[in-house]
């Protein structure tokens, strides 16, 4: 028996698009010349999955200017270019997580939660020690690159 075009079709659940958040350490890595950070941002942007929050952008700008003493004009130009690469901006949500050693990282985790990210890329050891948050893997692009080179068991989005 064939179904007619008007007969009910079985529902298939649509898979949500892949979403990747980069934190301040990845942005600063790109600014400072880290090849893994630069390539990661370019790849995620090209795949249209790069998500960030205003908090992360402001923290990166503040860190480059105050902690590293970088030139204001260069930082402005770099952050403007980064802003154009981001495919979606979200407002972070408030989170409390006792396992997070650095309380300043909570806003980054709030970005992960707000978008329902699949992965958070970071170079930050405190964040990496969490391994996952709200269903998102927390990984370093450098570790993932090594896994891709040295293992046949690589993550899908390495």
Foldseek 3Di string as FASTA:
>chain_A
DDDDPPDDDDDDDDDDDAAEEEALQLLVCVVVPNPLSVVVLQVCLVVLRYEYEPLRLVVNLCCCCPVVVDDNVSSVVSSVVSVVSHNYYDQFDADDDPLQPDPSCRSVLSRCQRVVHQEYEHPDPSQQVVQDHSNHGYYHSVVLVVCVVPHPPHDPVD
